[in-house]
Structure formats: C-alpha cells, structure tokens
Amino acid sequence: VQLQASGGGLVQAGGSLRLSCAASGRVFSPDTMAWYRQAPTKERELVASMASGGETNYGDSVKGRFTISRDSAKNSVHLQMNDLKPEDTAVYYCWYKWVKQPYPFWGQGTQVTVSS
C-alpha cells in the first residue's frame, strides 16, 4: 500500500488547513485510516482515525477542532483542521491498516506549522 499525503503548510493561529491522503495498491475492507503527528522532541501521537464502518476516534487535544472524513470510492482520508494552535505544529503522517494485516502502512509525512 502506498500513501500519498498533501495539504500541509504554514498558517497563522486560528486558521484552518485540510490534509488529504490517498491510498493505492492492495487496499481492502474492513480497514482503518488515520492521521498521526509528531512534533520535535515528542512521541508520535494519534490525531484521528476512521474505520471503514464509520467509527471515529480523536486525540483529546484536537476534539472539537479537527474532523476526519473518508472517501471510500477514492480510498482517501481527509483531515479538516480548524482553530489551529501553535502546539499543533508537527509532521502529520497518514496511516492505513487492513484488519487482516498484522502491521500498518505509513505515508511520508507532511509538515504543518502554526505561527502565533
């Protein structure tokens, strides 16, 4: 599976960005697609996930500000990020896992920088 992410960039605090990730290759349902992020000197953390059945999960720090969505026909996942804060600055990684695979796939990462 190959994951191609896009949409990162530089934005001022309070602004919005939309990340997108397209999966190609051996993509099967049921599966989960997600976004993780990693800031300098910090561990990688879950931002949001969405299963093919529609179940979502959000990290506590982004609840109410970020929304994850999927386009099943295009095997893609999106992350709408609103009210961005400087602490959201990180490299954001797309993530994919089919339930029958023991390991996930990671995208290359896209930088999000929020200035104060």
Protein backbone atom coordinates (compact mmCIF):
# COMPACT_ATOMS: atom_id res chain seq x y z
CA VAL A 1 0.00 0.00 0.00
CA GLN A 2 1.27 3.46 -0.90
CA LEU A 3 0.01 6.53 0.93
CA GLN A 4 0.35 9.97 -0.65
CA ALA A 5 -0.36 12.87 1.68
CA SER A 6 -0.84 16.50 0.78
CA GLY A 7 -2.13 19.74 2.19
CA GLY A 8 0.37 20.75 4.82
CA GLY A 9 1.77 24.24 5.10
CA LEU A 10 2.16 27.36 7.19
CA VAL A 11 -0.85 29.02 8.79
CA GLN A 12 -1.47 31.56 11.50
CA ALA A 13 -3.04 30.58 14.79
CA GLY A 14 -6.80 30.36 14.46
CA GLY A 15 -6.57 29.41 10.82
CA SER A 16 -7.50 26.22 9.01
CA LEU A 17 -5.85 23.59 6.89
CA ARG A 18 -7.10 20.45 5.17
CA LEU A 19 -4.89 17.41 4.82
CA SER A 20 -5.60 14.68 2.30
CA CYS A 21 -4.16 11.22 1.85
CA ALA A 22 -4.78 8.81 -1.00
CA ALA A 23 -4.12 5.10 -0.63
CA SER A 24 -3.20 2.95 -3.58
CA GLY A 25 -2.21 -0.66 -4.06
CA ARG A 26 -3.64 -3.56 -2.10
CA VAL A 27 -6.40 -1.76 -0.23
CA PHE A 28 -9.13 -3.90 1.32
CA SER A 29 -12.06 -3.51 3.68
CA PRO A 30 -12.60 -3.55 6.53
CA ASP A 31 -9.78 -1.19 7.29
CA THR A 32 -8.84 1.93 9.23
CA MET A 33 -7.21 5.12 8.02
CA ALA A 34 -5.79 7.64 10.40
CA TRP A 35 -3.59 10.66 10.95
CA TYR A 36 -0.75 10.73 13.44
CA ARG A 37 1.58 13.59 14.19
CA GLN A 38 4.99 14.06 15.68
CA ALA A 39 6.38 17.31 16.99
CA PRO A 40 10.08 17.85 17.65
CA THR A 41 11.23 16.08 20.81
CA LYS A 42 7.80 14.46 21.27
CA GLU A 43 6.47 10.99 20.63
CA ARG A 44 4.23 10.28 17.67
CA GLU A 45 0.58 10.55 18.69
CA LEU A 46 -2.78 9.71 17.21
CA VAL A 47 -4.65 12.71 15.85
CA ALA A 48 -7.73 11.00 14.44
CA SER A 49 -8.79 7.69 12.93
CA MET A 50 -11.74 6.47 10.95
CA ALA A 51 -12.68 2.88 10.24
CA SER A 52 -14.33 1.82 7.02
CA GLY A 53 -17.51 1.29 9.03
CA GLY A 54 -17.53 4.93 10.01
CA GLU A 55 -16.24 4.74 13.58
CA THR A 56 -14.03 7.68 14.52
CA ASN A 57 -11.56 8.34 17.27
CA TYR A 58 -9.84 11.65 18.11
CA GLY A 59 -6.96 12.66 20.27
CA ASP A 60 -8.07 14.71 23.25
CA SER A 61 -6.16 17.80 22.15
CA VAL A 62 -7.96 18.06 18.80
CA LYS A 63 -11.52 17.15 19.74
CA GLY A 64 -13.95 19.79 18.56
CA ARG A 65 -11.40 21.38 16.21
CA PHE A 66 -10.41 18.62 13.78
CA THR A 67 -12.69 16.44 11.67
CA ILE A 68 -11.67 13.27 9.87
CA SER A 69 -13.55 12.02 6.84
CA ARG A 70 -13.13 9.37 4.18
CA ASP A 71 -13.97 8.92 0.55
CA SER A 72 -14.25 5.16 0.19
CA ALA A 73 -14.58 5.30 -3.58
CA LYS A 74 -11.20 7.04 -3.81
CA ASN A 75 -9.53 5.23 -0.90
CA SER A 76 -8.74 8.57 0.61
CA VAL A 77 -8.87 10.20 4.02
CA HIS A 78 -9.05 13.88 4.88
CA LEU A 79 -8.38 15.87 8.00
CA GLN A 80 -10.06 19.25 8.34
CA MET A 81 -8.17 21.24 10.93
CA ASN A 82 -9.82 24.36 12.30
CA ASP A 83 -8.82 26.81 15.01
CA LEU A 84 -5.21 25.73 14.67
CA LYS A 85 -2.85 26.41 17.55
CA PRO A 86 0.95 26.67 17.66
CA GLU A 87 1.01 23.38 19.57
CA ASP A 88 -0.49 21.69 16.51
CA THR A 89 2.81 22.26 14.73
CA ALA A 90 4.15 18.86 13.74
CA VAL A 91 4.77 16.48 10.89
CA TYR A 92 1.48 14.77 10.12
CA TYR A 93 1.52 11.17 8.92
CA CYS A 94 -1.17 9.26 7.10
CA TRP A 95 -1.71 5.69 8.35
CA TYR A 96 -3.51 2.70 6.94
CA LYS A 97 -4.23 -0.76 8.25
CA TRP A 98 -6.35 -3.60 6.91
CA VAL A 99 -7.83 -5.64 9.77
CA LYS A 100 -6.25 -8.85 8.49
CA GLN A 101 -2.74 -7.39 8.30
CA PRO A 102 -0.52 -7.51 11.39
CA TYR A 103 1.20 -4.22 10.54
CA PRO A 104 0.13 -0.78 9.27
CA PHE A 105 1.43 1.36 6.43
CA TRP A 106 2.69 4.91 6.87
CA GLY A 107 2.76 7.84 4.49
CA GLN A 108 5.77 10.11 4.06
CA GLY A 109 4.57 12.90 6.32
CA THR A 110 3.53 16.46 5.65
CA GLN A 111 4.64 19.46 7.70
CA VAL A 112 2.07 21.65 9.41
CA THR A 113 3.37 24.83 11.00
CA VAL A 114 1.14 27.15 13.00
CA SER A 115 2.56 30.55 13.82
CA SER A 116 1.44 32.56 16.84
